[in-house]
Amino acid sequence: MSKKIELAVEFLKNRFGIENLNENFVLIDRGDIWITSKEALKVKENLKFNRIGIRLIRVFKNNFKLTTSGSQVIGYLAKKNVLVLEDEKLALSYIKGNDIYGNFENLQKGQVIVKFKNDILGIGLYDGNKIKNQIPIPKRISD
């Protein structure tokens, strides 16, 4: 396991309480950190691929950023910094690209996973007063 992958695993543990990724997933260092299932790697042995998996974490000089797609794959494992929305209108507003305003005492400032009930919507950036929408524009829904 590369040093970068070790740091990424530590980031996921500290930020989101996500542990034991190695039980079902394989992490790949391609500059950014990618993730795939162990089963997909078995398929790759018989087929020719340029790349397998999805981008889990974007890597910057001194920090990591969980991607929306990554959150949708592993977010069910998160034990902290998760906002669960129960209001369907608020969830719909969020996936349209709007921010969520409020003081959420159970969240730390920084990246958070946003869910509607049991469904992972994506990532937001919490500043203590609002959760800034981080869902990429192509993944948002429109009216």
C-alpha atoms as a PDB file:
ATOM      1  CA  MET A   1       0.000   0.000   0.000  1.00  0.00           C
ATOM      2  CA  SER A   2       1.456   3.364  -1.021  1.00  0.00           C
ATOM      3  CA  LYS A   3       2.030   6.121   1.538  1.00  0.00           C
ATOM      4  CA  LYS A   4      -0.626   8.229  -0.223  1.00  0.00           C
ATOM      5  CA  ILE A   5      -3.202   5.447   0.124  1.00  0.00           C
ATOM      6  CA  GLU A   6      -2.300   5.055   3.806  1.00  0.00           C
ATOM      7  CA  LEU A   7      -2.879   8.802   4.322  1.00  0.00           C
ATOM      8  CA  ALA A   8      -6.169   8.641   2.395  1.00  0.00           C
ATOM      9  CA  VAL A   9      -7.392   5.744   4.547  1.00  0.00           C
ATOM     10  CA  GLU A  10      -6.436   7.739   7.654  1.00  0.00           C
ATOM     11  CA  PHE A  11      -8.344  10.768   6.273  1.00  0.00           C
ATOM     12  CA  LEU A  12     -11.499   8.675   5.764  1.00  0.00           C
ATOM     13  CA  LYS A  13     -11.198   7.249   9.280  1.00  0.00           C
ATOM     14  CA  ASN A  14     -10.619  10.619  10.967  1.00  0.00           C
ATOM     15  CA  ARG A  15     -13.119  12.657   8.948  1.00  0.00           C
ATOM     16  CA  PHE A  16     -15.971  10.196   8.451  1.00  0.00           C
ATOM     17  CA  GLY A  17     -15.276   7.283  10.794  1.00  0.00           C
ATOM     18  CA  ILE A  18     -14.935   4.971   7.778  1.00  0.00           C
ATOM     19  CA  GLU A  19     -12.893   1.866   8.520  1.00  0.00           C
ATOM     20  CA  ASN A  20     -12.187  -1.552   7.025  1.00  0.00           C
ATOM     21  CA  LEU A  21     -12.344  -0.538   3.358  1.00  0.00           C
ATOM     22  CA  ASN A  22      -9.913  -3.331   2.525  1.00  0.00           C
ATOM     23  CA  GLU A  23     -12.541  -5.957   3.335  1.00  0.00           C
ATOM     24  CA  ASN A  24     -14.545  -5.296   0.151  1.00  0.00           C
ATOM     25  CA  PHE A  25     -12.630  -2.716  -1.850  1.00  0.00           C
ATOM     26  CA  VAL A  26      -9.245  -2.141  -3.433  1.00  0.00           C
ATOM     27  CA  LEU A  27      -7.699   1.345  -3.445  1.00  0.00           C
ATOM     28  CA  ILE A  28      -5.489   2.362  -6.359  1.00  0.00           C
ATOM     29  CA  ASP A  29      -3.040   5.291  -6.444  1.00  0.00           C
ATOM     30  CA  ARG A  30      -3.274   7.072  -9.807  1.00  0.00           C
ATOM     31  CA  GLY A  31      -2.316  10.515  -8.527  1.00  0.00           C
ATOM     32  CA  ASP A  32      -5.809  10.694  -7.087  1.00  0.00           C
ATOM     33  CA  ILE A  33      -7.104   7.687  -5.147  1.00  0.00           C
ATOM     34  CA  TRP A  34      -9.426   5.367  -7.046  1.00  0.00           C
ATOM     35  CA  ILE A  35     -11.584   2.546  -5.700  1.00  0.00           C
ATOM     36  CA  THR A  36     -12.884  -0.683  -7.152  1.00  0.00           C
ATOM     37  CA  SER A  37     -14.315  -3.905  -5.819  1.00  0.00           C
ATOM     38  CA  LYS A  38     -12.262  -7.045  -5.435  1.00  0.00           C
ATOM     39  CA  GLU A  39     -14.710  -8.768  -7.795  1.00  0.00           C
ATOM     40  CA  ALA A  40     -14.067  -6.192 -10.524  1.00  0.00           C
ATOM     41  CA  LEU A  41     -10.348  -6.904 -10.338  1.00  0.00           C
ATOM     42  CA  LYS A  42     -11.083 -10.584 -10.982  1.00  0.00           C
ATOM     43  CA  VAL A  43     -13.024  -9.629 -14.132  1.00  0.00           C
ATOM     44  CA  LYS A  44     -10.128  -7.434 -15.230  1.00  0.00           C
ATOM     45  CA  GLU A  45      -7.880 -10.494 -15.364  1.00  0.00           C
ATOM     46  CA  ASN A  46      -9.927 -11.836 -18.313  1.00  0.00           C
ATOM     47  CA  LEU A  47     -10.671  -8.551 -20.091  1.00  0.00           C
ATOM     48  CA  LYS A  48      -8.590  -5.629 -21.263  1.00  0.00           C
ATOM     49  CA  PHE A  49      -9.259  -2.281 -19.517  1.00  0.00           C
ATOM     50  CA  ASN A  50      -7.503   1.064 -19.680  1.00  0.00           C
ATOM     51  CA  ARG A  51      -8.742   1.936 -16.206  1.00  0.00           C
ATOM     52  CA  ILE A  52     -10.951   0.292 -13.613  1.00  0.00           C
ATOM     53  CA  GLY A  53     -12.866   1.836 -10.717  1.00  0.00           C
ATOM     54  CA  ILE A  54     -14.025   5.346  -9.862  1.00  0.00           C
ATOM     55  CA  ARG A  55     -12.227   8.335  -8.380  1.00  0.00           C
ATOM     56  CA  LEU A  56     -12.721   8.120  -4.615  1.00  0.00           C
ATOM     57  CA  ILE A  57     -10.534  10.973  -3.402  1.00  0.00           C
ATOM     58  CA  ARG A  58      -8.992  13.964  -5.120  1.00  0.00           C
ATOM     59  CA  VAL A  59      -5.495  14.573  -3.792  1.00  0.00           C
ATOM     60  CA  PHE A  60      -4.180  18.100  -3.352  1.00  0.00           C
ATOM     61  CA  LYS A  61      -0.807  19.216  -1.985  1.00  0.00           C
ATOM     62  CA  ASN A  62      -1.757  19.055   1.678  1.00  0.00           C
ATOM     63  CA  ASN A  63      -5.246  17.607   1.790  1.00  0.00           C
ATOM     64  CA  PHE A  64      -7.783  15.130   0.463  1.00  0.00           C
ATOM     65  CA  LYS A  65     -11.300  15.627  -0.871  1.00  0.00           C
ATOM     66  CA  LEU A  66     -13.837  12.803  -1.012  1.00  0.00           C
ATOM     67  CA  THR A  67     -15.658  12.912  -4.359  1.00  0.00           C
ATOM     68  CA  THR A  68     -19.428  12.795  -4.802  1.00  0.00           C
ATOM     69  CA  SER A  69     -19.148   9.457  -6.611  1.00  0.00           C
ATOM     70  CA  GLY A  70     -16.849   8.173  -3.896  1.00  0.00           C
ATOM     71  CA  SER A  71     -19.290   9.224  -1.187  1.00  0.00           C
ATOM     72  CA  GLN A  72     -22.066   7.351  -2.984  1.00  0.00           C
ATOM     73  CA  VAL A  73     -19.981   4.166  -2.986  1.00  0.00           C
ATOM     74  CA  ILE A  74     -18.610   4.185   0.576  1.00  0.00           C
ATOM     75  CA  GLY A  75     -20.842   6.709   2.367  1.00  0.00           C
ATOM     76  CA  TYR A  76     -22.923   3.956   3.938  1.00  0.00           C
ATOM     77  CA  LEU A  77     -19.853   3.158   6.070  1.00  0.00           C
ATOM     78  CA  ALA A  78     -19.598   6.705   7.486  1.00  0.00           C
ATOM     79  CA  LYS A  79     -20.221   7.112  11.202  1.00  0.00           C
ATOM     80  CA  LYS A  80     -19.639  10.859  11.573  1.00  0.00           C
ATOM     81  CA  ASN A  81     -19.923  14.133   9.673  1.00  0.00           C
ATOM     82  CA  VAL A  82     -23.066  12.873   7.974  1.00  0.00           C
ATOM     83  CA  LEU A  83     -26.154  15.054   7.604  1.00  0.00           C
ATOM     84  CA  VAL A  84     -29.336  13.014   7.176  1.00  0.00           C
ATOM     85  CA  LEU A  85     -32.166  14.996   5.600  1.00  0.00           C
ATOM     86  CA  GLU A  86     -35.707  13.832   6.296  1.00  0.00           C
ATOM     87  CA  ASP A  87     -37.430  16.637   4.356  1.00  0.00           C
ATOM     88  CA  GLU A  88     -37.876  15.622   0.709  1.00  0.00           C
ATOM     89  CA  LYS A  89     -38.192  19.240  -0.456  1.00  0.00           C
ATOM     90  CA  LEU A  90     -34.886  20.141   1.203  1.00  0.00           C
ATOM     91  CA  ALA A  91     -33.204  17.083  -0.334  1.00  0.00           C
ATOM     92  CA  LEU A  92     -34.564  17.996  -3.771  1.00  0.00           C
ATOM     93  CA  SER A  93     -33.344  21.565  -3.326  1.00  0.00           C
ATOM     94  CA  TYR A  94     -29.890  20.254  -2.433  1.00  0.00           C
ATOM     95  CA  ILE A  95     -29.565  18.001  -5.477  1.00  0.00           C
ATOM     96  CA  LYS A  96     -30.579  20.969  -7.605  1.00  0.00           C
ATOM     97  CA  GLY A  97     -27.452  22.733  -6.349  1.00  0.00           C
ATOM     98  CA  ASN A  98     -28.720  24.815  -3.435  1.00  0.00           C
ATOM     99  CA  ASP A  99     -26.959  25.150  -0.095  1.00  0.00           C
ATOM    100  CA  ILE A 100     -28.403  24.087   3.271  1.00  0.00           C
ATOM    101  CA  TYR A 101     -28.435  26.749   5.984  1.00  0.00           C
ATOM    102  CA  GLY A 102     -28.279  25.967   9.680  1.00  0.00           C
ATOM    103  CA  ASN A 103     -26.078  25.269  12.653  1.00  0.00           C
ATOM    104  CA  PHE A 104     -25.523  21.528  12.873  1.00  0.00           C
ATOM    105  CA  GLU A 105     -23.889  20.710  16.203  1.00  0.00           C
ATOM    106  CA  ASN A 106     -23.140  17.101  15.268  1.00  0.00           C
ATOM    107  CA  LEU A 107     -20.983  18.176  12.286  1.00  0.00           C
ATOM    108  CA  GLN A 108     -17.405  19.404  12.222  1.00  0.00           C
ATOM    109  CA  LYS A 109     -16.405  22.189   9.844  1.00  0.00           C
ATOM    110  CA  GLY A 110     -15.195  20.781   6.545  1.00  0.00           C
ATOM    111  CA  GLN A 111     -16.468  18.071   4.237  1.00  0.00           C
ATOM    112  CA  VAL A 112     -19.697  16.303   5.156  1.00  0.00           C
ATOM    113  CA  ILE A 113     -21.734  13.572   3.516  1.00  0.00           C
ATOM    114  CA  VAL A 114     -25.331  14.587   2.781  1.00  0.00           C
ATOM    115  CA  LYS A 115     -28.023  11.898   2.728  1.00  0.00           C
ATOM    116  CA  PHE A 116     -31.759  11.817   2.163  1.00  0.00           C
ATOM    117  CA  LYS A 117     -32.951   9.104   4.521  1.00  0.00           C
ATOM    118  CA  ASN A 118     -30.726   6.175   3.411  1.00  0.00           C
ATOM    119  CA  ASP A 119     -29.657   7.564   0.027  1.00  0.00           C
ATOM    120  CA  ILE A 120     -26.319   9.349  -0.334  1.00  0.00           C
ATOM    121  CA  LEU A 121     -26.810  12.607  -2.240  1.00  0.00           C
ATOM    122  CA  GLY A 122     -23.200  13.724  -2.205  1.00  0.00           C
ATOM    123  CA  ILE A 123     -20.690  15.953  -0.481  1.00  0.00           C
ATOM    124  CA  GLY A 124     -21.074  19.377   1.097  1.00  0.00           C
ATOM    125  CA  LEU A 125     -18.683  21.793   2.748  1.00  0.00           C
ATOM    126  CA  TYR A 126     -19.828  22.860   6.230  1.00  0.00           C
ATOM    127  CA  ASP A 127     -18.606  26.231   7.552  1.00  0.00           C
ATOM    128  CA  GLY A 128     -20.608  26.374  10.783  1.00  0.00           C
ATOM    129  CA  ASN A 129     -23.541  28.277   9.234  1.00  0.00           C
ATOM    130  CA  LYS A 130     -24.332  26.425   6.033  1.00  0.00           C
ATOM    131  CA  ILE A 131     -23.474  23.391   3.975  1.00  0.00           C
ATOM    132  CA  LYS A 132     -22.179  24.591   0.624  1.00  0.00           C
ATOM    133  CA  ASN A 133     -23.276  22.299  -2.146  1.00  0.00           C
ATOM    134  CA  GLN A 134     -20.367  20.365  -3.682  1.00  0.00           C
ATOM    135  CA  ILE A 135     -22.357  18.188  -6.082  1.00  0.00           C
ATOM    136  CA  PRO A 136     -20.815  18.658  -9.547  1.00  0.00           C
ATOM    137  CA  ILE A 137     -23.083  20.585 -11.923  1.00  0.00           C
ATOM    138  CA  PRO A 138     -23.474  17.647 -14.364  1.00  0.00           C
ATOM    139  CA  LYS A 139     -24.755  15.460 -11.498  1.00  0.00           C
ATOM    140  CA  ARG A 140     -27.366  17.954 -10.319  1.00  0.00           C
ATOM    141  CA  ILE A 141     -30.976  17.760 -11.412  1.00  0.00           C
ATOM    142  CA  SER A 142     -32.801  20.617 -13.070  1.00  0.00           C
ATOM    143  CA  ASP A 143     -36.419  21.744 -12.962  1.00  0.00           C
END
